[in-house]
N, C-alpha and C. Protein backbone atom coordinates (compact mmCIF):
# COMPACT_ATOMS: atom_id res chain seq x y z
N MET A 1 54.29 -13.92 -116.87
CA MET A 1 53.64 -12.72 -117.36
C MET A 1 52.73 -12.18 -116.26
N SER A 2 52.76 -10.87 -116.02
CA SER A 2 51.93 -10.27 -114.97
C SER A 2 50.46 -10.29 -115.37
N SER A 3 49.59 -10.17 -114.36
CA SER A 3 48.15 -10.17 -114.65
C SER A 3 47.75 -8.97 -115.50
N ALA A 4 48.44 -7.84 -115.34
CA ALA A 4 48.14 -6.66 -116.16
C ALA A 4 48.47 -6.92 -117.63
N VAL A 5 49.58 -7.60 -117.88
CA VAL A 5 49.97 -7.92 -119.25
C VAL A 5 49.00 -8.94 -119.85
N VAL A 6 48.65 -9.96 -119.06
CA VAL A 6 47.68 -10.95 -119.53
C VAL A 6 46.35 -10.27 -119.86
N GLY A 7 45.90 -9.38 -118.97
CA GLY A 7 44.66 -8.65 -119.24
C GLY A 7 44.76 -7.86 -120.53
N ALA A 8 45.88 -7.17 -120.74
CA ALA A 8 46.04 -6.37 -121.95
C ALA A 8 46.00 -7.25 -123.20
N VAL A 9 46.67 -8.40 -123.16
CA VAL A 9 46.67 -9.31 -124.31
C VAL A 9 45.26 -9.83 -124.58
N VAL A 10 44.58 -10.25 -123.52
CA VAL A 10 43.22 -10.78 -123.66
C VAL A 10 42.30 -9.70 -124.20
N TRP A 11 42.36 -8.49 -123.64
CA TRP A 11 41.46 -7.43 -124.06
C TRP A 11 41.73 -6.99 -125.49
N GLN A 12 43.01 -6.91 -125.88
CA GLN A 12 43.34 -6.53 -127.25
C GLN A 12 42.82 -7.58 -128.23
N ALA A 13 43.06 -8.85 -127.92
CA ALA A 13 42.59 -9.92 -128.79
C ALA A 13 41.06 -9.94 -128.84
N ALA A 14 40.42 -9.79 -127.69
CA ALA A 14 38.95 -9.80 -127.64
C ALA A 14 38.36 -8.65 -128.45
N ALA A 15 39.02 -7.49 -128.43
CA ALA A 15 38.54 -6.35 -129.23
C ALA A 15 38.47 -6.73 -130.70
N HIS A 16 39.47 -7.45 -131.18
CA HIS A 16 39.47 -7.88 -132.58
C HIS A 16 38.45 -8.99 -132.83
N LEU A 17 38.35 -9.92 -131.88
CA LEU A 17 37.44 -11.05 -132.07
C LEU A 17 35.97 -10.63 -132.01
N LEU A 18 35.68 -9.52 -131.33
CA LEU A 18 34.29 -9.04 -131.23
C LEU A 18 33.92 -8.05 -132.32
N ALA A 19 34.86 -7.74 -133.19
CA ALA A 19 34.55 -6.90 -134.35
C ALA A 19 33.83 -7.75 -135.39
N TYR A 20 33.11 -7.09 -136.28
CA TYR A 20 32.42 -7.82 -137.34
C TYR A 20 33.44 -8.65 -138.12
N PRO A 21 33.13 -9.92 -138.38
CA PRO A 21 34.11 -10.80 -139.04
C PRO A 21 34.23 -10.57 -140.55
N ASP A 22 34.83 -9.45 -140.88
CA ASP A 22 35.06 -9.12 -142.28
C ASP A 22 36.44 -9.65 -142.69
N GLU A 23 36.93 -9.19 -143.81
CA GLU A 23 38.22 -9.66 -144.32
C GLU A 23 39.36 -9.35 -143.33
N ARG A 24 39.32 -8.18 -142.68
CA ARG A 24 40.36 -7.82 -141.70
C ARG A 24 40.38 -8.80 -140.54
N PHE A 25 39.18 -9.22 -140.10
CA PHE A 25 39.07 -10.19 -139.01
C PHE A 25 39.85 -11.46 -139.36
N TRP A 26 39.59 -12.01 -140.55
CA TRP A 26 40.23 -13.25 -140.96
C TRP A 26 41.72 -13.07 -141.19
N HIS A 27 42.10 -11.87 -141.63
CA HIS A 27 43.52 -11.59 -141.84
C HIS A 27 44.28 -11.55 -140.50
N ARG A 28 43.65 -11.01 -139.45
CA ARG A 28 44.31 -10.89 -138.13
C ARG A 28 44.23 -12.18 -137.30
N LEU A 29 43.36 -13.09 -137.66
CA LEU A 29 43.12 -14.28 -136.87
C LEU A 29 44.38 -15.09 -136.57
N PRO A 30 45.28 -15.33 -137.52
CA PRO A 30 46.50 -16.08 -137.18
C PRO A 30 47.34 -15.40 -136.10
N LEU A 31 47.43 -14.08 -136.13
CA LEU A 31 48.17 -13.35 -135.12
C LEU A 31 47.52 -13.50 -133.74
N ILE A 32 46.21 -13.45 -133.71
CA ILE A 32 45.49 -13.62 -132.45
C ILE A 32 45.67 -15.04 -131.93
N LYS A 33 45.64 -16.02 -132.82
CA LYS A 33 45.88 -17.40 -132.41
C LYS A 33 47.25 -17.53 -131.76
N GLU A 34 48.23 -16.92 -132.37
CA GLU A 34 49.60 -17.00 -131.86
C GLU A 34 49.73 -16.32 -130.50
N ALA A 35 49.09 -15.18 -130.32
CA ALA A 35 49.25 -14.40 -129.10
C ALA A 35 48.35 -14.84 -127.96
N ALA A 36 47.16 -15.36 -128.27
CA ALA A 36 46.17 -15.56 -127.20
C ALA A 36 45.39 -16.86 -127.30
N GLU A 37 45.90 -17.85 -128.00
CA GLU A 37 45.18 -19.12 -128.16
C GLU A 37 44.72 -19.73 -126.84
N PRO A 38 45.55 -19.73 -125.77
CA PRO A 38 45.09 -20.38 -124.53
C PRO A 38 43.80 -19.77 -123.96
N HIS A 39 43.56 -18.50 -124.24
CA HIS A 39 42.39 -17.82 -123.70
C HIS A 39 41.15 -18.00 -124.58
N PHE A 40 41.36 -18.27 -125.85
CA PHE A 40 40.25 -18.29 -126.81
C PHE A 40 40.16 -19.58 -127.62
N GLY A 41 40.80 -20.64 -127.16
CA GLY A 41 40.83 -21.90 -127.91
C GLY A 41 39.48 -22.39 -128.39
N PRO A 42 38.46 -22.50 -127.51
CA PRO A 42 37.15 -22.98 -127.98
C PRO A 42 36.54 -22.07 -129.04
N PHE A 43 36.68 -20.76 -128.89
CA PHE A 43 36.15 -19.82 -129.88
C PHE A 43 36.86 -20.03 -131.22
N LEU A 44 38.19 -20.09 -131.17
CA LEU A 44 38.96 -20.22 -132.40
C LEU A 44 38.64 -21.52 -133.13
N SER A 45 38.42 -22.59 -132.40
CA SER A 45 38.04 -23.86 -133.02
C SER A 45 36.68 -23.76 -133.70
N ARG A 46 35.71 -23.18 -133.02
CA ARG A 46 34.36 -23.07 -133.59
C ARG A 46 34.35 -22.13 -134.79
N VAL A 47 35.15 -21.07 -134.73
CA VAL A 47 35.22 -20.13 -135.84
C VAL A 47 35.78 -20.82 -137.08
N SER A 48 36.81 -21.63 -136.88
CA SER A 48 37.39 -22.36 -138.02
C SER A 48 36.37 -23.30 -138.64
N ASP A 49 35.54 -23.91 -137.81
CA ASP A 49 34.50 -24.81 -138.32
C ASP A 49 33.41 -24.05 -139.08
N LEU A 50 33.09 -22.85 -138.62
CA LEU A 50 32.00 -22.08 -139.24
C LEU A 50 32.40 -21.49 -140.59
N GLY A 51 33.57 -20.89 -140.66
CA GLY A 51 33.98 -20.22 -141.89
C GLY A 51 33.40 -18.82 -141.98
N PRO A 52 33.90 -18.02 -142.93
CA PRO A 52 33.53 -16.61 -143.02
C PRO A 52 32.04 -16.31 -143.17
N GLY A 53 31.37 -16.93 -144.10
CA GLY A 53 29.95 -16.62 -144.33
C GLY A 53 29.07 -16.98 -143.15
N GLU A 54 29.27 -18.16 -142.60
CA GLU A 54 28.44 -18.60 -141.49
C GLU A 54 28.72 -17.78 -140.23
N LEU A 55 30.00 -17.43 -139.99
CA LEU A 55 30.31 -16.61 -138.82
C LEU A 55 29.71 -15.21 -138.96
N ALA A 56 29.77 -14.63 -140.15
CA ALA A 56 29.18 -13.30 -140.37
C ALA A 56 27.68 -13.34 -140.12
N ALA A 57 27.01 -14.38 -140.61
CA ALA A 57 25.57 -14.51 -140.37
C ALA A 57 25.27 -14.68 -138.89
N HIS A 58 26.10 -15.47 -138.19
CA HIS A 58 25.91 -15.66 -136.75
C HIS A 58 26.13 -14.34 -136.00
N TYR A 59 27.13 -13.58 -136.39
CA TYR A 59 27.43 -12.30 -135.75
C TYR A 59 26.23 -11.37 -135.86
N VAL A 60 25.69 -11.22 -137.06
CA VAL A 60 24.54 -10.34 -137.29
C VAL A 60 23.34 -10.84 -136.49
N GLU A 61 23.06 -12.13 -136.57
CA GLU A 61 21.92 -12.69 -135.84
C GLU A 61 22.08 -12.47 -134.33
N THR A 62 23.27 -12.66 -133.83
CA THR A 62 23.51 -12.57 -132.38
C THR A 62 23.51 -11.13 -131.89
N PHE A 63 24.34 -10.30 -132.47
CA PHE A 63 24.56 -8.97 -131.92
C PHE A 63 23.63 -7.89 -132.48
N ASP A 64 23.09 -8.09 -133.66
CA ASP A 64 22.22 -7.07 -134.24
C ASP A 64 20.74 -7.36 -134.04
N LEU A 65 20.39 -8.61 -133.82
CA LEU A 65 18.97 -8.96 -133.75
C LEU A 65 18.50 -9.38 -132.36
N HIS A 66 19.39 -9.52 -131.41
CA HIS A 66 19.01 -9.91 -130.05
C HIS A 66 19.44 -8.82 -129.06
N ARG A 67 18.48 -8.15 -128.48
CA ARG A 67 18.79 -7.07 -127.53
C ARG A 67 19.59 -7.56 -126.34
N ARG A 68 19.39 -8.81 -125.93
CA ARG A 68 20.11 -9.34 -124.78
C ARG A 68 21.60 -9.51 -125.07
N CYS A 69 21.98 -9.50 -126.34
CA CYS A 69 23.38 -9.69 -126.74
C CYS A 69 23.96 -8.39 -127.29
N CYS A 70 23.70 -7.32 -126.62
CA CYS A 70 24.13 -6.01 -127.09
C CYS A 70 25.60 -5.75 -126.75
N LEU A 71 26.37 -5.29 -127.74
CA LEU A 71 27.77 -4.95 -127.51
C LEU A 71 27.97 -3.50 -127.06
N TYR A 72 26.87 -2.76 -126.88
CA TYR A 72 26.94 -1.38 -126.41
C TYR A 72 26.59 -1.40 -124.92
N LEU A 73 27.62 -1.33 -124.08
CA LEU A 73 27.46 -1.67 -122.67
C LEU A 73 26.58 -0.73 -121.86
N THR A 74 26.46 0.54 -122.23
CA THR A 74 25.58 1.41 -121.45
C THR A 74 24.11 1.05 -121.66
N TYR A 75 23.82 0.30 -122.70
CA TYR A 75 22.44 -0.10 -122.97
C TYR A 75 21.86 -0.91 -121.81
N TYR A 76 22.67 -1.74 -121.19
CA TYR A 76 22.15 -2.61 -120.12
C TYR A 76 21.60 -1.81 -118.94
N ALA A 77 22.30 -0.77 -118.54
CA ALA A 77 21.85 0.03 -117.39
C ALA A 77 20.97 1.21 -117.79
N ASP A 78 21.18 1.73 -119.01
CA ASP A 78 20.48 2.96 -119.40
C ASP A 78 19.41 2.78 -120.46
N GLY A 79 19.39 1.64 -121.15
CA GLY A 79 18.42 1.45 -122.22
C GLY A 79 18.60 2.53 -123.28
N ASP A 80 17.56 2.79 -124.03
CA ASP A 80 17.58 3.88 -125.01
C ASP A 80 16.90 5.10 -124.41
N THR A 81 17.54 5.68 -123.43
CA THR A 81 16.98 6.83 -122.72
C THR A 81 17.95 8.01 -122.80
N ARG A 82 17.49 9.16 -122.34
CA ARG A 82 18.37 10.34 -122.28
C ARG A 82 19.54 10.09 -121.36
N ARG A 83 19.32 9.28 -120.34
CA ARG A 83 20.40 8.96 -119.40
C ARG A 83 21.56 8.28 -120.13
N ARG A 84 21.24 7.48 -121.12
CA ARG A 84 22.30 6.82 -121.89
C ARG A 84 23.14 7.87 -122.63
N GLY A 85 22.50 8.90 -123.13
CA GLY A 85 23.24 9.99 -123.78
C GLY A 85 24.25 10.62 -122.84
N ARG A 86 23.85 10.81 -121.60
CA ARG A 86 24.79 11.37 -120.60
C ARG A 86 25.92 10.39 -120.32
N SER A 87 25.60 9.10 -120.26
CA SER A 87 26.63 8.08 -120.03
C SER A 87 27.63 8.04 -121.19
N LEU A 88 27.14 8.16 -122.41
CA LEU A 88 28.03 8.17 -123.58
C LEU A 88 28.93 9.41 -123.56
N ALA A 89 28.36 10.55 -123.21
CA ALA A 89 29.16 11.78 -123.13
C ALA A 89 30.23 11.65 -122.04
N ALA A 90 29.89 11.06 -120.91
CA ALA A 90 30.86 10.87 -119.83
C ALA A 90 31.99 9.93 -120.27
N LEU A 91 31.65 8.89 -121.01
CA LEU A 91 32.68 7.99 -121.52
C LEU A 91 33.62 8.72 -122.48
N LYS A 92 33.05 9.51 -123.38
CA LYS A 92 33.89 10.28 -124.30
C LYS A 92 34.85 11.19 -123.55
N GLN A 93 34.34 11.80 -122.47
CA GLN A 93 35.18 12.68 -121.67
C GLN A 93 36.33 11.89 -121.02
N ARG A 94 36.04 10.70 -120.56
CA ARG A 94 37.10 9.88 -119.95
C ARG A 94 38.16 9.49 -120.98
N TYR A 95 37.73 9.18 -122.19
CA TYR A 95 38.71 8.88 -123.25
C TYR A 95 39.57 10.11 -123.53
N ARG A 96 38.92 11.25 -123.66
CA ARG A 96 39.67 12.49 -123.93
C ARG A 96 40.66 12.80 -122.81
N ALA A 97 40.24 12.61 -121.57
CA ALA A 97 41.13 12.86 -120.43
C ALA A 97 42.37 11.98 -120.48
N ALA A 98 42.26 10.81 -121.10
CA ALA A 98 43.39 9.90 -121.23
C ALA A 98 44.16 10.15 -122.54
N GLY A 99 43.75 11.18 -123.29
CA GLY A 99 44.44 11.51 -124.53
C GLY A 99 43.93 10.77 -125.75
N TRP A 100 42.75 10.16 -125.65
CA TRP A 100 42.17 9.41 -126.75
C TRP A 100 41.08 10.23 -127.42
N GLU A 101 40.96 10.08 -128.72
CA GLU A 101 39.88 10.71 -129.47
C GLU A 101 39.26 9.62 -130.34
N LEU A 102 37.96 9.43 -130.22
CA LEU A 102 37.28 8.40 -130.99
C LEU A 102 37.03 8.86 -132.41
N MET A 103 36.92 7.90 -133.31
CA MET A 103 36.52 8.19 -134.68
C MET A 103 35.05 8.62 -134.63
N ASP A 104 34.62 9.37 -135.62
CA ASP A 104 33.24 9.87 -135.64
C ASP A 104 32.19 8.76 -135.69
N ASP A 105 32.55 7.61 -136.26
CA ASP A 105 31.57 6.54 -136.41
C ASP A 105 31.57 5.55 -135.24
N GLU A 106 32.33 5.82 -134.18
CA GLU A 106 32.41 4.92 -133.03
C GLU A 106 31.64 5.46 -131.85
N LEU A 107 30.83 4.61 -131.23
CA LEU A 107 30.21 4.98 -129.97
C LEU A 107 31.14 4.55 -128.85
N PRO A 108 31.28 5.35 -127.82
CA PRO A 108 32.27 5.06 -126.78
C PRO A 108 31.96 3.84 -125.93
N ASP A 109 30.71 3.35 -125.96
CA ASP A 109 30.37 2.18 -125.15
C ASP A 109 30.42 0.88 -125.94
N PHE A 110 30.83 0.92 -127.21
CA PHE A 110 30.95 -0.29 -128.02
C PHE A 110 32.07 -1.13 -127.42
N LEU A 111 31.76 -2.36 -127.05
CA LEU A 111 32.70 -3.18 -126.30
C LEU A 111 34.07 -3.30 -126.95
N PRO A 112 34.21 -3.52 -128.26
CA PRO A 112 35.56 -3.54 -128.83
C PRO A 112 36.35 -2.24 -128.59
N VAL A 113 35.67 -1.10 -128.57
CA VAL A 113 36.34 0.17 -128.28
C VAL A 113 36.81 0.19 -126.82
N LEU A 114 35.93 -0.21 -125.90
CA LEU A 114 36.31 -0.26 -124.49
C LEU A 114 37.47 -1.22 -124.26
N LEU A 115 37.45 -2.35 -124.94
CA LEU A 115 38.52 -3.34 -124.78
C LEU A 115 39.84 -2.82 -125.33
N GLU A 116 39.80 -2.16 -126.46
CA GLU A 116 41.01 -1.57 -127.03
C GLU A 116 41.60 -0.55 -126.05
N PHE A 117 40.74 0.27 -125.49
CA PHE A 117 41.17 1.26 -124.50
C PHE A 117 41.78 0.57 -123.28
N ALA A 118 41.12 -0.46 -122.77
CA ALA A 118 41.60 -1.18 -121.59
C ALA A 118 42.95 -1.84 -121.86
N ALA A 119 43.15 -2.31 -123.07
CA ALA A 119 44.42 -2.96 -123.41
C ALA A 119 45.58 -1.98 -123.47
N LEU A 120 45.28 -0.72 -123.79
CA LEU A 120 46.35 0.23 -124.05
C LEU A 120 46.48 1.35 -123.02
N ASP A 121 45.51 1.49 -122.13
CA ASP A 121 45.55 2.58 -121.15
C ASP A 121 45.25 2.02 -119.76
N PRO A 122 46.06 2.39 -118.76
CA PRO A 122 45.86 1.84 -117.41
C PRO A 122 44.47 2.12 -116.81
N SER A 123 43.82 3.19 -117.21
CA SER A 123 42.50 3.49 -116.65
C SER A 123 41.39 2.65 -117.29
N GLY A 124 41.71 1.93 -118.35
CA GLY A 124 40.71 1.15 -119.06
C GLY A 124 40.18 -0.03 -118.28
N ALA A 125 41.02 -0.65 -117.45
CA ALA A 125 40.55 -1.79 -116.66
C ALA A 125 39.44 -1.36 -115.70
N GLU A 126 39.59 -0.20 -115.12
CA GLU A 126 38.55 0.31 -114.21
C GLU A 126 37.26 0.58 -114.97
N LEU A 127 37.39 1.08 -116.17
CA LEU A 127 36.22 1.33 -117.00
C LEU A 127 35.47 0.02 -117.31
N LEU A 128 36.22 -1.02 -117.65
CA LEU A 128 35.59 -2.33 -117.85
C LEU A 128 34.93 -2.81 -116.57
N ARG A 129 35.60 -2.62 -115.45
CA ARG A 129 35.06 -3.07 -114.16
C ARG A 129 33.73 -2.37 -113.86
N GLU A 130 33.63 -1.11 -114.21
CA GLU A 130 32.39 -0.37 -113.98
C GLU A 130 31.23 -0.95 -114.80
N HIS A 131 31.55 -1.60 -115.89
CA HIS A 131 30.53 -2.20 -116.75
C HIS A 131 30.42 -3.71 -116.54
N ARG A 132 30.95 -4.19 -115.44
CA ARG A 132 30.94 -5.63 -115.15
C ARG A 132 29.53 -6.22 -115.14
N PRO A 133 28.53 -5.57 -114.53
CA PRO A 133 27.18 -6.17 -114.58
C PRO A 133 26.68 -6.38 -116.02
N GLY A 134 26.92 -5.42 -116.90
CA GLY A 134 26.53 -5.57 -118.30
C GLY A 134 27.30 -6.69 -118.98
N LEU A 135 28.59 -6.80 -118.68
CA LEU A 135 29.38 -7.90 -119.23
C LEU A 135 28.84 -9.26 -118.79
N GLU A 136 28.46 -9.33 -117.53
CA GLU A 136 27.90 -10.59 -117.00
C GLU A 136 26.58 -10.93 -117.68
N LEU A 137 25.74 -9.93 -117.93
CA LEU A 137 24.48 -10.17 -118.64
C LEU A 137 24.75 -10.64 -120.07
N LEU A 138 25.71 -10.01 -120.72
CA LEU A 138 26.08 -10.41 -122.07
C LEU A 138 26.60 -11.84 -122.08
N LEU A 139 27.45 -12.18 -121.12
CA LEU A 139 27.98 -13.54 -121.02
C LEU A 139 26.86 -14.56 -120.84
N THR A 140 25.92 -14.26 -119.98
CA THR A 140 24.79 -15.16 -119.75
C THR A 140 23.96 -15.34 -121.02
N ALA A 141 23.68 -14.24 -121.71
CA ALA A 141 22.87 -14.31 -122.93
C ALA A 141 23.59 -15.12 -124.02
N LEU A 142 24.88 -14.91 -124.18
CA LEU A 142 25.63 -15.64 -125.20
C LEU A 142 25.75 -17.12 -124.84
N THR A 143 25.89 -17.41 -123.57
CA THR A 143 25.94 -18.81 -123.12
C THR A 143 24.59 -19.48 -123.37
N ASP A 144 23.51 -18.77 -123.05
CA ASP A 144 22.16 -19.33 -123.25
C ASP A 144 21.88 -19.67 -124.70
N CYS A 145 22.43 -18.87 -125.63
CA CYS A 145 22.16 -19.16 -127.05
C CYS A 145 23.31 -19.96 -127.69
N ASP A 146 24.20 -20.51 -126.85
CA ASP A 146 25.30 -21.37 -127.30
C ASP A 146 26.15 -20.70 -128.38
N SER A 147 26.41 -19.41 -128.20
CA SER A 147 27.24 -18.67 -129.15
C SER A 147 28.71 -18.89 -128.85
N PRO A 148 29.53 -19.04 -129.89
CA PRO A 148 30.97 -19.14 -129.64
C PRO A 148 31.54 -17.87 -128.99
N TYR A 149 30.81 -16.76 -129.14
CA TYR A 149 31.28 -15.50 -128.54
C TYR A 149 31.23 -15.52 -127.01
N ALA A 150 30.52 -16.47 -126.42
CA ALA A 150 30.51 -16.59 -124.96
C ALA A 150 31.93 -16.84 -124.44
N CYS A 151 32.72 -17.57 -125.19
CA CYS A 151 34.11 -17.83 -124.80
C CYS A 151 34.90 -16.52 -124.75
N VAL A 152 34.66 -15.64 -125.69
CA VAL A 152 35.39 -14.36 -125.74
C VAL A 152 35.02 -13.51 -124.53
N ILE A 153 33.73 -13.37 -124.26
CA ILE A 153 33.29 -12.57 -123.12
C ILE A 153 33.74 -13.23 -121.82
N GLY A 154 33.72 -14.54 -121.76
CA GLY A 154 34.21 -15.25 -120.57
C GLY A 154 35.67 -14.94 -120.30
N ALA A 155 36.49 -14.88 -121.36
CA ALA A 155 37.90 -14.55 -121.19
C ALA A 155 38.08 -13.10 -120.74
N VAL A 156 37.26 -12.20 -121.25
CA VAL A 156 37.31 -10.80 -120.83
C VAL A 156 37.01 -10.70 -119.34
N CYS A 157 35.95 -11.37 -118.90
CA CYS A 157 35.56 -11.34 -117.48
C CYS A 157 36.63 -12.00 -116.61
N ALA A 158 37.23 -13.08 -117.10
CA ALA A 158 38.26 -13.78 -116.33
C ALA A 158 39.51 -12.92 -116.14
N ALA A 159 39.76 -11.99 -117.05
CA ALA A 159 40.92 -11.11 -116.94
C ALA A 159 40.68 -9.94 -115.99
N LEU A 160 39.43 -9.79 -115.53
CA LEU A 160 39.09 -8.77 -114.54
C LEU A 160 39.20 -9.39 -113.15
N PRO A 161 39.26 -8.57 -112.11
CA PRO A 161 39.18 -9.12 -110.75
C PRO A 161 37.85 -9.87 -110.59
N PRO A 162 37.78 -10.82 -109.67
CA PRO A 162 36.54 -11.58 -109.48
C PRO A 162 35.35 -10.65 -109.25
N ILE A 163 34.20 -11.08 -109.75
CA ILE A 163 32.99 -10.28 -109.59
C ILE A 163 32.64 -10.19 -108.10
N THR A 164 32.21 -9.02 -107.69
CA THR A 164 31.82 -8.82 -106.29
C THR A 164 30.35 -9.17 -106.10
N ALA A 165 29.96 -9.32 -104.85
CA ALA A 165 28.55 -9.60 -104.55
C ALA A 165 27.67 -8.45 -105.03
N ALA A 166 28.14 -7.21 -104.87
CA ALA A 166 27.37 -6.04 -105.30
C ALA A 166 27.19 -6.03 -106.82
N GLU A 167 28.25 -6.37 -107.56
CA GLU A 167 28.15 -6.42 -109.02
C GLU A 167 27.21 -7.54 -109.47
N ARG A 168 27.28 -8.67 -108.80
CA ARG A 168 26.40 -9.79 -109.14
C ARG A 168 24.93 -9.41 -108.87
N LEU A 169 24.69 -8.73 -107.74
CA LEU A 169 23.34 -8.28 -107.41
C LEU A 169 22.84 -7.28 -108.45
N GLN A 170 23.70 -6.36 -108.85
CA GLN A 170 23.31 -5.37 -109.87
C GLN A 170 22.99 -6.08 -111.19
N ALA A 171 23.79 -7.07 -111.58
CA ALA A 171 23.52 -7.81 -112.81
C ALA A 171 22.18 -8.54 -112.72
N THR A 172 21.90 -9.12 -111.57
CA THR A 172 20.63 -9.82 -111.36
C THR A 172 19.47 -8.86 -111.49
N ARG A 173 19.59 -7.70 -110.87
CA ARG A 173 18.52 -6.69 -110.95
C ARG A 173 18.31 -6.21 -112.38
N LEU A 174 19.41 -5.98 -113.09
CA LEU A 174 19.30 -5.55 -114.49
C LEU A 174 18.64 -6.63 -115.33
N ALA A 175 18.98 -7.89 -115.08
CA ALA A 175 18.39 -8.99 -115.84
C ALA A 175 16.89 -9.09 -115.58
N GLN A 176 16.49 -8.88 -114.34
CA GLN A 176 15.07 -8.97 -114.00
C GLN A 176 14.27 -7.80 -114.56
N ALA A 177 14.81 -6.61 -114.48
CA ALA A 177 14.08 -5.41 -114.89
C ALA A 177 14.20 -5.14 -116.39
N GLY A 178 15.30 -5.56 -116.99
CA GLY A 178 15.57 -5.22 -118.38
C GLY A 178 16.02 -3.77 -118.50
N PRO A 179 16.43 -3.36 -119.68
CA PRO A 179 16.88 -1.98 -119.84
C PRO A 179 15.74 -1.01 -119.60
N PRO A 180 16.02 0.14 -119.02
CA PRO A 180 14.96 1.11 -118.77
C PRO A 180 14.37 1.65 -120.06
N ALA A 181 13.11 2.02 -119.98
CA ALA A 181 12.42 2.65 -121.10
C ALA A 181 12.05 4.05 -120.66
N GLU A 182 11.81 4.91 -121.61
CA GLU A 182 11.50 6.28 -121.29
C GLU A 182 10.18 6.65 -121.93
N THR A 183 9.34 7.33 -121.19
CA THR A 183 8.08 7.80 -121.72
C THR A 183 8.27 9.25 -122.16
N VAL A 184 7.96 9.51 -123.41
CA VAL A 184 8.09 10.85 -123.95
C VAL A 184 6.70 11.30 -124.38
N GLY A 185 6.21 12.39 -123.82
CA GLY A 185 4.90 12.91 -124.17
C GLY A 185 3.76 12.01 -123.72
N GLY A 186 4.01 11.21 -122.69
CA GLY A 186 2.96 10.37 -122.13
C GLY A 186 2.75 9.06 -122.85
N TYR A 187 3.53 8.78 -123.90
CA TYR A 187 3.37 7.53 -124.65
C TYR A 187 4.62 6.69 -124.48
N LEU A 188 4.43 5.42 -124.50
CA LEU A 188 5.56 4.51 -124.42
C LEU A 188 5.96 4.01 -125.76
C-alpha cells in the first residue's frame, strides 16, 4: 500500500476516532478496527476497557476542559483573537476551492474535519502539514495526561512526513508562549 493510501486510511479513521464517542462512534468502531487496527491498536484496546460512559467522560474532560488539548488547530497559533477569525476564513476558502462546503455547525479548524478533508482530497495533507506544530503540541499534552487519544494523534503525525527542525522550533515557541491573547479597549 502506498504512503498516500496509508495516510488516507489513518486520517479517515482518526477523524472518526476523534469525534465525540456517541452511538455512531461505537457503531463505526468495528469497521475502523478492521481497516486500521495496526495504527490504533493501543487506543482501541483502552477504549474497549473504558466503555461508552467512561470514554465519553474522558473525552469531555480532555478536549472540553483542558485548553492544552484543543481539537481546534488554529487556536494554538492564533488563540481567541481576531487573527484566528482570519485563519478560519482562509481555511473555509481553501475547502471551497477544493469543492468542499462545510456544514453550518462545523468550524474549519476542527481536527476531525481537517482529517476528513486530508483523507479525501490531495491538498489536505499539506493543510495538516501546515498545522504540524499544533498537532505536536496536542500530542505532547495528550501524552502528558496519559490519554488514549495520544495514540490517535501519534498515528496522524506518523502518517505525515517527518517533522522539520523549523516545525519543531515553532512548536517549542508556541508551547512556551501559549496561545496569543488580545487586548480590547485596554483590558485583558
